[in-house]
N, C-alpha and C. Protein backbone atom coordinates (compact mmCIF):
# COMPACT_ATOMS: atom_id res chain seq x y z
N UNK A 1 103.23 81.10 87.34
CA UNK A 1 102.11 80.95 86.29
C UNK A 1 101.17 82.07 86.61
N UNK A 2 100.69 82.51 85.55
CA UNK A 2 99.66 83.62 85.39
C UNK A 2 98.27 83.16 84.95
N UNK A 3 97.22 83.55 85.55
CA UNK A 3 95.88 83.22 85.11
C UNK A 3 95.04 84.37 85.15
N UNK A 4 94.48 84.71 83.91
CA UNK A 4 93.61 85.85 83.81
C UNK A 4 92.23 85.35 83.57
N UNK A 5 91.31 85.50 84.41
CA UNK A 5 89.83 84.98 84.22
C UNK A 5 89.12 86.16 83.76
N UNK A 6 88.73 86.11 82.53
CA UNK A 6 87.99 87.23 81.86
C UNK A 6 86.55 86.88 81.70
N UNK A 7 85.47 87.91 81.68
CA UNK A 7 84.14 87.59 81.62
C UNK A 7 83.71 86.92 80.36
N UNK A 8 84.27 87.27 79.20
CA UNK A 8 83.86 86.64 77.99
C UNK A 8 84.26 85.21 77.89
N UNK A 9 85.20 84.78 78.74
CA UNK A 9 85.66 83.29 78.88
C UNK A 9 84.74 82.45 79.65
N UNK A 10 84.21 83.10 80.77
CA UNK A 10 83.54 82.21 81.70
C UNK A 10 82.05 82.68 81.89
N UNK A 11 81.83 83.85 81.79
CA UNK A 11 80.50 84.35 82.13
C UNK A 11 79.94 83.94 83.56
N UNK A 12 78.77 83.35 83.55
CA UNK A 12 78.26 83.01 84.83
C UNK A 12 78.75 81.64 85.39
N UNK A 13 79.54 80.96 84.67
CA UNK A 13 80.12 79.72 84.94
C UNK A 13 81.42 79.77 85.75
N UNK A 14 81.70 80.82 86.27
CA UNK A 14 83.04 81.12 86.79
C UNK A 14 83.21 80.17 87.99
N UNK A 15 82.31 79.85 88.85
CA UNK A 15 82.66 79.14 90.10
C UNK A 15 83.00 77.68 89.66
N UNK A 16 82.35 77.02 88.75
CA UNK A 16 82.79 75.62 88.47
C UNK A 16 84.03 75.64 87.58
N UNK A 17 84.07 76.61 86.58
CA UNK A 17 85.33 76.62 85.71
C UNK A 17 86.53 76.86 86.43
N UNK A 18 86.57 77.91 87.41
CA UNK A 18 87.72 78.32 88.09
C UNK A 18 88.23 77.31 88.84
N UNK A 19 87.37 76.32 89.37
CA UNK A 19 87.85 75.13 90.11
C UNK A 19 88.54 74.21 89.21
N UNK A 20 87.91 74.02 88.02
CA UNK A 20 88.44 73.11 86.89
C UNK A 20 89.75 73.70 86.49
N UNK A 21 89.95 75.04 86.29
CA UNK A 21 91.13 75.44 85.80
C UNK A 21 92.26 75.43 86.85
N UNK A 22 91.93 75.76 88.05
CA UNK A 22 92.87 75.64 89.14
C UNK A 22 93.23 74.16 89.45
N UNK A 23 92.25 73.31 89.35
CA UNK A 23 92.49 71.96 89.66
C UNK A 23 93.49 71.20 88.58
N UNK A 24 93.49 71.76 87.42
CA UNK A 24 94.37 71.22 86.39
C UNK A 24 95.90 71.85 86.34
N UNK A 25 96.07 72.89 87.12
CA UNK A 25 97.37 73.51 87.02
C UNK A 25 98.53 72.66 87.59
N UNK A 26 99.59 72.72 86.93
CA UNK A 26 100.72 71.93 87.26
C UNK A 26 101.62 72.66 88.19
N UNK A 27 101.60 74.04 88.19
CA UNK A 27 102.42 74.90 89.10
C UNK A 27 101.60 75.78 89.90
N UNK A 28 102.08 76.47 90.92
CA UNK A 28 101.32 77.24 91.79
C UNK A 28 101.30 78.66 91.04
N UNK A 29 100.10 79.32 91.13
CA UNK A 29 99.90 80.51 90.62
C UNK A 29 100.72 81.68 91.24
N UNK A 30 101.35 82.51 90.41
CA UNK A 30 101.97 83.85 90.93
C UNK A 30 101.14 84.94 90.46
N UNK A 31 100.32 84.96 89.76
CA UNK A 31 99.42 86.06 89.24
C UNK A 31 98.03 85.57 88.93
N UNK A 32 97.12 86.39 89.65
CA UNK A 32 95.67 85.99 89.34
C UNK A 32 94.89 87.26 89.06
N UNK A 33 94.29 87.50 87.90
CA UNK A 33 93.54 88.56 87.65
C UNK A 33 92.12 88.12 87.35
N UNK A 34 91.04 88.64 87.99
CA UNK A 34 89.79 88.04 87.94
C UNK A 34 88.98 89.30 87.51
N UNK A 35 88.85 89.56 86.14
CA UNK A 35 87.97 90.70 85.83
C UNK A 35 86.63 90.17 85.40
N UNK A 36 86.09 89.44 86.16
CA UNK A 36 84.80 88.86 85.97
C UNK A 36 83.91 88.86 87.27
N UNK A 37 82.76 88.34 87.10
CA UNK A 37 81.85 88.35 88.47
C UNK A 37 82.26 87.10 89.29
N UNK A 38 82.93 87.41 90.39
CA UNK A 38 83.31 86.34 91.30
C UNK A 38 82.18 86.07 92.28
N UNK A 39 82.07 84.84 92.69
CA UNK A 39 80.99 84.38 93.67
C UNK A 39 81.90 84.28 95.06
N UNK A 40 81.14 84.17 96.13
CA UNK A 40 81.68 84.03 97.43
C UNK A 40 82.41 82.56 97.47
N UNK A 41 81.75 81.57 96.72
CA UNK A 41 82.28 80.32 96.60
C UNK A 41 83.69 80.31 95.89
N UNK A 42 83.84 81.21 94.94
CA UNK A 42 85.10 81.24 94.24
C UNK A 42 86.24 81.76 95.28
N UNK A 43 85.87 82.76 96.04
CA UNK A 43 87.01 83.27 96.99
C UNK A 43 87.19 82.10 98.05
N UNK A 44 86.23 81.37 98.47
CA UNK A 44 86.37 80.37 99.43
C UNK A 44 87.23 79.16 98.87
N UNK A 45 86.98 78.91 97.59
CA UNK A 45 87.82 77.87 96.88
C UNK A 45 89.13 78.35 96.80
N UNK A 46 89.41 79.51 96.43
CA UNK A 46 90.84 80.11 96.25
C UNK A 46 91.42 80.07 97.58
N UNK A 47 90.89 80.43 98.61
CA UNK A 47 91.43 80.48 99.97
C UNK A 47 91.88 79.09 100.39
N UNK A 48 91.28 78.05 99.88
CA UNK A 48 91.46 76.63 100.26
C UNK A 48 92.42 75.91 99.28
N UNK A 49 92.71 76.65 98.17
CA UNK A 49 93.62 75.99 97.17
C UNK A 49 95.04 76.03 97.48
N UNK A 50 95.74 75.00 97.20
CA UNK A 50 97.14 74.89 97.25
C UNK A 50 97.88 75.76 96.18
N UNK A 51 97.05 76.12 95.14
CA UNK A 51 97.68 76.79 93.94
C UNK A 51 97.91 78.24 94.26
N UNK A 52 97.41 78.85 95.33
CA UNK A 52 97.73 80.25 95.57
C UNK A 52 98.68 80.55 96.67
N UNK A 53 99.38 79.57 97.18
CA UNK A 53 100.33 79.66 98.21
C UNK A 53 101.57 80.44 97.74
N UNK A 54 101.79 80.69 96.39
CA UNK A 54 102.91 81.49 95.94
C UNK A 54 102.35 82.61 95.14
N UNK A 55 101.14 83.16 95.37
CA UNK A 55 100.58 84.31 94.69
C UNK A 55 101.27 85.51 95.09
N UNK A 56 101.71 86.22 93.99
CA UNK A 56 102.38 87.53 94.26
C UNK A 56 101.46 88.65 93.80
N UNK A 57 100.62 88.46 92.83
CA UNK A 57 99.85 89.50 92.27
C UNK A 57 98.31 89.01 92.29
N UNK A 58 97.39 89.76 92.94
CA UNK A 58 96.01 89.43 92.99
C UNK A 58 95.22 90.68 92.61
N UNK A 59 94.49 90.59 91.40
CA UNK A 59 93.66 91.72 91.00
C UNK A 59 92.28 91.33 90.97
N UNK A 60 91.35 91.75 91.89
CA UNK A 60 89.98 91.35 91.95
C UNK A 60 89.15 92.68 91.55
N UNK A 61 89.68 93.59 90.99
CA UNK A 61 89.06 94.82 90.55
C UNK A 61 87.74 94.64 89.72
N UNK A 62 86.74 95.40 89.95
CA UNK A 62 85.57 95.32 89.48
C UNK A 62 84.60 94.34 89.86
N UNK A 63 84.96 93.65 90.92
CA UNK A 63 84.09 92.65 91.69
C UNK A 63 83.36 93.23 92.78
N UNK A 64 82.15 92.96 93.05
CA UNK A 64 81.63 93.43 94.27
C UNK A 64 82.03 92.41 95.42
N UNK A 65 82.85 93.01 96.22
CA UNK A 65 83.45 91.99 97.27
C UNK A 65 82.83 92.42 98.64
N UNK A 66 81.81 93.26 98.56
CA UNK A 66 81.20 93.92 99.85
C UNK A 66 80.47 92.67 100.70
N UNK A 67 80.03 91.69 99.95
CA UNK A 67 79.28 90.68 100.66
C UNK A 67 80.21 89.58 101.07
N UNK A 68 81.52 89.65 100.70
CA UNK A 68 82.45 88.78 101.22
C UNK A 68 83.39 89.10 102.41
N UNK A 69 83.01 90.26 102.86
CA UNK A 69 83.65 90.86 104.01
C UNK A 69 82.58 91.19 105.13
N UNK A 70 82.69 90.81 106.32
CA UNK A 70 83.88 89.83 106.81
C UNK A 70 83.58 88.50 106.21
N UNK A 71 84.67 87.75 106.22
CA UNK A 71 84.56 86.35 105.69
C UNK A 71 85.59 85.83 104.79
N UNK A 72 85.36 85.30 103.64
CA UNK A 72 86.33 84.72 102.81
C UNK A 72 87.39 85.58 102.14
N UNK A 73 87.06 86.86 102.10
CA UNK A 73 88.25 87.70 101.48
C UNK A 73 89.40 87.79 102.40
N UNK A 74 89.00 87.91 103.79
CA UNK A 74 90.20 87.96 104.73
C UNK A 74 90.96 86.78 104.89
N UNK A 75 90.21 85.69 104.74
CA UNK A 75 90.75 84.29 104.79
C UNK A 75 91.71 84.26 103.70
N UNK A 76 91.31 84.67 102.46
CA UNK A 76 92.23 84.53 101.26
C UNK A 76 93.49 85.40 101.42
N UNK A 77 93.26 86.52 101.98
CA UNK A 77 94.42 87.47 102.22
C UNK A 77 95.48 86.94 103.20
N UNK A 78 94.89 86.28 104.25
CA UNK A 78 95.71 85.66 105.19
C UNK A 78 96.51 84.51 104.62
N UNK A 79 95.90 83.75 103.81
CA UNK A 79 96.68 82.66 103.19
C UNK A 79 97.81 83.11 102.33
N UNK A 80 97.53 84.16 101.57
CA UNK A 80 98.73 84.65 100.73
C UNK A 80 99.44 85.78 101.30
N UNK A 81 99.36 86.06 102.58
CA UNK A 81 100.09 87.19 103.07
C UNK A 81 101.55 86.96 103.10
N UNK A 82 102.14 85.80 102.94
CA UNK A 82 103.53 85.66 102.93
C UNK A 82 104.20 85.89 101.56
N UNK A 83 103.45 86.01 100.56
CA UNK A 83 104.09 86.17 99.23
C UNK A 83 103.41 87.34 98.48
N UNK A 84 102.25 87.78 98.91
CA UNK A 84 101.60 88.93 98.02
C UNK A 84 102.31 90.22 97.98
N UNK A 85 102.56 90.57 96.73
CA UNK A 85 103.29 91.86 96.57
C UNK A 85 102.36 92.91 95.90
N UNK A 86 101.35 92.55 95.24
CA UNK A 86 100.55 93.54 94.44
C UNK A 86 99.14 93.08 94.60
N UNK A 87 98.25 94.07 95.20
CA UNK A 87 96.91 93.89 95.38
C UNK A 87 96.15 95.01 94.79
N UNK A 88 95.17 94.54 93.93
CA UNK A 88 94.20 95.54 93.36
C UNK A 88 92.82 95.24 93.78
N UNK A 89 92.16 96.09 94.50
CA UNK A 89 90.87 96.04 94.92
C UNK A 89 90.03 97.22 94.45
N UNK A 90 90.22 97.64 93.21
CA UNK A 90 89.48 98.84 92.69
C UNK A 90 88.15 98.51 92.32
N UNK A 91 87.38 99.49 92.62
CA UNK A 91 85.89 99.38 92.35
C UNK A 91 85.35 98.06 92.85
N UNK A 92 85.45 97.87 93.99
CA UNK A 92 84.92 96.51 94.66
C UNK A 92 83.88 96.77 95.66
N UNK A 93 83.20 97.98 95.73
CA UNK A 93 82.09 98.28 96.52
C UNK A 93 82.56 98.36 98.08
N UNK A 94 83.78 98.43 98.32
CA UNK A 94 84.22 98.34 99.69
C UNK A 94 84.02 99.73 100.36
N UNK A 95 83.37 99.65 101.62
CA UNK A 95 83.19 100.85 102.42
C UNK A 95 84.08 100.82 103.70
N UNK A 96 83.89 101.63 104.62
CA UNK A 96 84.75 101.75 105.70
C UNK A 96 84.66 100.40 106.55
N UNK A 97 83.61 99.93 106.78
CA UNK A 97 83.39 98.69 107.65
C UNK A 97 84.22 97.48 106.88
N UNK A 98 84.22 97.28 105.61
CA UNK A 98 84.77 96.29 104.75
C UNK A 98 86.40 96.58 105.01
N UNK A 99 86.80 97.89 104.83
CA UNK A 99 88.17 98.10 104.95
C UNK A 99 88.64 97.71 106.35
N UNK A 100 87.82 98.01 107.32
CA UNK A 100 88.37 97.76 108.83
C UNK A 100 88.39 96.19 108.91
N UNK A 101 87.53 95.49 108.28
CA UNK A 101 87.50 94.08 108.42
C UNK A 101 88.77 93.37 107.81
N UNK A 102 89.25 93.93 106.69
CA UNK A 102 90.39 93.27 105.99
C UNK A 102 91.69 93.72 106.40
N UNK A 103 91.73 94.84 107.22
CA UNK A 103 92.85 95.59 107.80
C UNK A 103 93.80 94.57 108.50
N UNK A 104 93.37 93.77 109.39
CA UNK A 104 94.28 92.83 110.14
C UNK A 104 95.01 91.94 109.04
N UNK A 105 94.19 91.40 108.02
CA UNK A 105 94.87 90.62 107.22
C UNK A 105 95.92 91.30 106.29
N UNK A 106 95.58 92.49 105.86
CA UNK A 106 96.34 93.31 105.11
C UNK A 106 97.73 93.57 105.88
N UNK A 107 97.59 93.79 107.23
CA UNK A 107 98.79 94.11 107.89
C UNK A 107 99.74 92.86 108.10
N UNK A 108 99.29 91.74 107.79
CA UNK A 108 100.26 90.67 107.81
C UNK A 108 100.91 90.44 106.31
N UNK A 109 100.53 91.15 105.32
CA UNK A 109 101.11 91.13 103.91
C UNK A 109 102.45 91.91 103.97
N UNK A 110 103.41 91.20 104.62
CA UNK A 110 104.69 91.84 104.79
C UNK A 110 105.52 92.16 103.47
N UNK A 111 105.39 91.60 102.28
CA UNK A 111 105.85 91.87 100.98
C UNK A 111 105.04 92.65 100.15
N UNK A 112 103.92 93.20 100.64
CA UNK A 112 103.12 94.01 99.79
C UNK A 112 103.70 95.25 99.48
N UNK A 113 103.99 95.62 98.06
CA UNK A 113 104.40 96.93 97.76
C UNK A 113 103.57 97.75 96.95
N UNK A 114 102.26 97.25 96.64
CA UNK A 114 101.43 98.10 95.80
C UNK A 114 100.05 97.78 96.34
N UNK A 115 99.16 98.68 96.59
CA UNK A 115 97.73 98.49 97.08
C UNK A 115 97.01 99.43 96.21
N UNK A 116 96.05 98.86 95.56
CA UNK A 116 95.08 99.86 94.75
C UNK A 116 93.64 99.65 95.27
N UNK A 117 93.03 100.77 95.68
CA UNK A 117 91.69 100.89 96.26
C UNK A 117 90.87 101.89 95.65
N UNK A 118 91.17 102.21 94.46
CA UNK A 118 90.35 103.40 93.77
C UNK A 118 88.92 102.93 93.71
N UNK A 119 88.18 103.91 93.58
CA UNK A 119 86.67 103.79 93.31
C UNK A 119 85.94 103.07 94.36
N UNK A 120 86.26 103.13 95.56
CA UNK A 120 85.48 102.48 96.71
C UNK A 120 85.12 103.60 97.46
N UNK A 121 83.80 103.65 98.06
CA UNK A 121 83.35 104.80 98.81
C UNK A 121 83.90 104.68 100.33
N UNK A 122 84.99 105.20 100.49
CA UNK A 122 85.71 105.13 101.75
C UNK A 122 85.92 106.57 102.33
N UNK A 123 85.81 106.71 103.66
CA UNK A 123 86.02 108.03 104.25
C UNK A 123 87.49 108.29 104.49
N UNK A 124 87.60 109.58 104.69
CA UNK A 124 88.90 110.10 105.10
C UNK A 124 89.46 109.45 106.22
N UNK A 125 88.64 109.26 107.25
CA UNK A 125 89.08 108.64 108.55
C UNK A 125 89.67 107.27 108.30
N UNK A 126 88.88 106.42 107.40
CA UNK A 126 89.35 105.11 107.21
C UNK A 126 90.62 105.04 106.37
N UNK A 127 90.80 106.15 105.51
CA UNK A 127 92.10 106.14 104.77
C UNK A 127 93.19 106.44 105.81
N UNK A 128 93.06 107.24 106.60
CA UNK A 128 94.04 107.68 107.61
C UNK A 128 94.43 106.43 108.59
N UNK A 129 93.33 105.65 108.89
CA UNK A 129 93.52 104.48 109.72
C UNK A 129 94.30 103.44 108.92
N UNK A 130 94.02 103.32 107.67
CA UNK A 130 94.63 102.46 106.70
C UNK A 130 96.25 102.80 106.70
N UNK A 131 96.48 104.07 106.54
CA UNK A 131 97.84 104.57 106.53
C UNK A 131 98.53 104.17 107.92
N UNK A 132 97.96 104.51 109.05
CA UNK A 132 98.48 104.20 110.24
C UNK A 132 98.80 102.85 110.53
N UNK A 133 97.80 102.03 110.18
CA UNK A 133 98.10 100.55 110.31
C UNK A 133 99.07 99.91 109.31
N UNK A 134 99.22 100.43 108.13
CA UNK A 134 100.13 99.72 107.14
C UNK A 134 101.48 100.45 107.14
N UNK A 135 101.67 101.53 107.96
CA UNK A 135 102.93 102.13 107.95
C UNK A 135 104.08 101.16 108.40
N UNK A 136 103.81 100.16 108.95
CA UNK A 136 104.86 99.12 109.32
C UNK A 136 105.21 98.06 108.41
N UNK A 137 104.44 98.25 107.10
CA UNK A 137 104.77 97.30 106.03
C UNK A 137 105.76 98.09 105.18
N UNK A 138 107.06 97.69 105.47
CA UNK A 138 108.05 98.58 104.94
C UNK A 138 108.35 98.42 103.46
N UNK A 139 107.82 97.22 102.82
CA UNK A 139 107.97 96.97 101.39
C UNK A 139 106.78 97.90 100.73
N UNK A 140 105.81 98.22 101.50
CA UNK A 140 104.66 99.06 100.85
C UNK A 140 105.14 100.34 100.42
N UNK A 141 105.12 100.61 99.08
CA UNK A 141 105.65 101.93 98.56
C UNK A 141 104.57 102.68 97.82
N UNK A 142 103.56 102.03 97.32
CA UNK A 142 102.51 102.77 96.54
C UNK A 142 101.07 102.44 96.93
N UNK A 143 100.36 103.48 97.29
CA UNK A 143 98.92 103.13 97.41
C UNK A 143 98.07 104.06 96.58
N UNK A 144 97.18 103.47 95.83
CA UNK A 144 96.29 104.32 94.93
C UNK A 144 94.94 104.30 95.77
N UNK A 145 94.61 105.46 96.26
CA UNK A 145 93.47 105.56 97.05
C UNK A 145 92.37 106.28 96.38
N UNK A 146 91.18 105.90 96.92
CA UNK A 146 89.89 106.54 96.24
C UNK A 146 89.72 107.92 96.82
N UNK A 147 88.88 108.77 96.05
CA UNK A 147 88.44 110.09 96.45
C UNK A 147 87.52 109.79 97.63
N UNK A 148 87.92 110.26 98.78
CA UNK A 148 87.03 110.18 99.97
C UNK A 148 85.63 110.55 99.77
N UNK A 149 84.66 109.90 100.41
CA UNK A 149 83.26 110.27 100.34
C UNK A 149 82.96 111.73 100.78
N UNK A 150 83.79 112.28 101.56
CA UNK A 150 83.65 113.72 101.95
C UNK A 150 83.93 114.66 100.72
N UNK A 151 84.55 114.18 99.81
CA UNK A 151 85.07 115.12 98.67
C UNK A 151 84.24 114.96 97.30
N UNK A 152 83.43 113.89 97.20
CA UNK A 152 82.60 113.76 96.07
C UNK A 152 81.49 112.80 96.32
N UNK A 153 80.51 112.75 95.46
CA UNK A 153 79.42 111.87 95.57
C UNK A 153 79.69 110.49 94.92
N UNK A 154 79.26 109.47 95.47
CA UNK A 154 79.50 108.15 94.91
C UNK A 154 78.11 107.59 94.43
N UNK A 155 78.05 107.14 93.44
CA UNK A 155 76.82 106.49 92.88
C UNK A 155 77.15 105.03 92.24
N UNK A 156 76.43 104.05 92.93
CA UNK A 156 76.64 102.66 92.64
C UNK A 156 78.19 102.26 92.76
N UNK A 157 78.77 102.93 93.86
CA UNK A 157 80.17 102.53 94.05
C UNK A 157 81.27 103.29 93.28
N UNK A 158 80.79 104.09 92.27
CA UNK A 158 81.69 104.94 91.49
C UNK A 158 81.60 106.32 91.94
N UNK A 159 82.89 107.07 92.00
CA UNK A 159 82.85 108.41 92.27
C UNK A 159 82.18 109.24 91.16
N UNK A 160 81.30 110.07 91.47
CA UNK A 160 80.42 110.73 90.52
C UNK A 160 80.42 112.26 90.78
N UNK A 161 80.47 113.10 89.70
CA UNK A 161 80.28 114.51 89.95
C UNK A 161 81.68 115.13 90.21
N UNK A 162 81.59 116.41 90.34
CA UNK A 162 82.90 117.17 90.69
C UNK A 162 83.38 116.85 91.99
N UNK A 163 84.77 116.78 92.10
CA UNK A 163 85.60 116.67 93.20
C UNK A 163 85.70 117.99 93.93
N UNK A 164 85.33 117.98 95.30
CA UNK A 164 85.50 119.26 95.97
C UNK A 164 86.95 119.47 96.44
N UNK A 165 87.52 120.41 95.54
CA UNK A 165 89.07 120.59 95.54
C UNK A 165 89.56 120.95 96.87
N UNK A 166 88.87 121.91 97.57
CA UNK A 166 89.24 122.35 98.92
C UNK A 166 89.34 121.04 99.84
N UNK A 167 88.38 120.43 99.92
CA UNK A 167 88.41 119.18 100.72
C UNK A 167 89.47 118.20 100.35
N UNK A 168 89.59 118.02 99.04
CA UNK A 168 90.71 117.13 98.59
C UNK A 168 91.99 117.65 99.09
N UNK A 169 92.43 118.95 98.92
CA UNK A 169 93.58 119.45 99.31
C UNK A 169 93.83 119.13 100.65
N UNK A 170 92.78 119.13 101.58
CA UNK A 170 92.84 118.91 103.05
C UNK A 170 93.21 117.51 103.33
N UNK A 171 92.51 116.52 102.53
CA UNK A 171 92.85 115.18 102.65
C UNK A 171 94.33 114.80 102.29
N UNK A 172 94.66 115.35 101.20
CA UNK A 172 96.00 115.18 100.69
C UNK A 172 97.08 115.66 101.75
N UNK A 173 96.69 116.89 102.23
CA UNK A 173 97.70 117.39 103.28
C UNK A 173 97.71 116.57 104.50
N UNK A 174 96.64 116.03 104.99
CA UNK A 174 96.61 115.10 106.14
C UNK A 174 97.30 113.84 105.91
N UNK A 175 97.13 113.32 104.83
CA UNK A 175 97.85 112.02 104.30
C UNK A 175 99.40 112.42 104.36
N UNK A 176 99.91 113.59 103.72
CA UNK A 176 101.24 113.87 103.86
C UNK A 176 101.86 114.08 105.14
N UNK A 177 101.12 114.72 105.96
CA UNK A 177 101.49 115.07 107.34
C UNK A 177 101.64 113.64 108.11
N UNK A 178 100.66 112.78 108.00
CA UNK A 178 100.78 111.52 108.59
C UNK A 178 101.88 110.63 108.14
N UNK A 179 102.22 110.64 106.84
CA UNK A 179 103.35 109.99 106.28
C UNK A 179 104.56 110.50 106.81
N UNK A 180 104.71 111.76 107.08
CA UNK A 180 105.85 112.40 107.78
C UNK A 180 105.95 111.81 109.23
N UNK A 181 104.74 111.88 109.96
CA UNK A 181 104.77 111.59 111.31
C UNK A 181 105.13 110.13 111.58
N UNK A 182 104.74 109.26 110.70
CA UNK A 182 105.21 107.80 110.97
C UNK A 182 106.40 107.40 110.15
N UNK A 183 107.08 108.45 109.69
CA UNK A 183 108.41 108.38 109.08
C UNK A 183 108.41 107.44 107.85
N UNK A 184 107.40 107.65 107.04
CA UNK A 184 107.41 106.92 105.84
C UNK A 184 107.16 107.80 104.52
N UNK A 185 108.29 108.71 104.52
CA UNK A 185 108.30 109.55 103.26
C UNK A 185 108.50 108.78 102.14
N UNK A 186 109.03 107.59 102.12
CA UNK A 186 109.15 106.75 101.04
C UNK A 186 107.96 106.05 100.33
N UNK A 187 106.77 106.22 101.06
CA UNK A 187 105.41 105.62 100.64
C UNK A 187 104.70 106.80 99.92
N UNK A 188 104.42 106.45 98.65
CA UNK A 188 103.64 107.25 97.81
C UNK A 188 102.22 106.93 97.99
N UNK A 189 101.45 107.98 98.36
CA UNK A 189 99.95 107.81 98.40
C UNK A 189 99.32 108.80 97.32
N UNK A 190 98.61 108.37 96.34
CA UNK A 190 98.03 109.14 95.42
C UNK A 190 96.60 108.85 95.16
N UNK A 191 95.80 109.80 94.95
CA UNK A 191 94.45 109.60 94.83
C UNK A 191 94.14 109.20 93.30
N UNK A 192 92.99 108.48 93.08
CA UNK A 192 92.59 108.19 91.75
C UNK A 192 91.49 109.15 91.54
N UNK A 193 91.70 109.99 90.64
CA UNK A 193 90.72 111.15 90.24
C UNK A 193 90.01 110.80 88.96
N UNK A 194 88.81 110.80 88.74
CA UNK A 194 88.12 110.74 87.42
C UNK A 194 88.51 111.87 86.49
N UNK A 195 88.71 113.08 87.13
CA UNK A 195 89.16 114.33 86.34
C UNK A 195 90.59 114.76 87.09
N UNK A 196 91.27 115.63 86.43
CA UNK A 196 92.42 116.09 87.14
C UNK A 196 92.26 116.41 88.60
N UNK A 197 93.12 115.93 89.41
CA UNK A 197 93.04 116.25 90.78
C UNK A 197 93.60 117.45 91.23
N UNK A 198 93.26 118.01 92.23
CA UNK A 198 93.89 119.43 92.70
C UNK A 198 95.34 119.21 92.89
């Protein structure tokens, strides 16, 4: 079953209505797309719900998850780690400390094959750490990563201004070298660029 919670449907009442929606479901969810303003209580509710035990696709893009880490987001990821295949956390205000906090839970997502992290102000060092830690996830084939903070300016969580192409080339080269070093040439890491990438 697929559930797409959109802002025009729920607005500020997402916390109460998501519980009502999930409470009335007859089958476990396989896809959950939340393109609305989630509250910490929503993530807590999801992490405690029996309806997410079969979740394969989770898209929380566009939600400010920074205040849910550490805490409820890792709990949710741990709960769905046995089934999750597709995870989108694009434009979620996640920084290095947040990524480090969810990394242990991500590493348990053994069926994960896609991870989207674009438009999060994350450093090159954190991206390389993410690659090192997730290299053992043999199903993970595609990672959409943000332009590192060293390569462009971030304003309100969005990459802003021109991308420093020289620095971006260096980041891409380091990622490719690390992919070779961990013997994961089958894994595609590509940056999300607001304009054509170098």
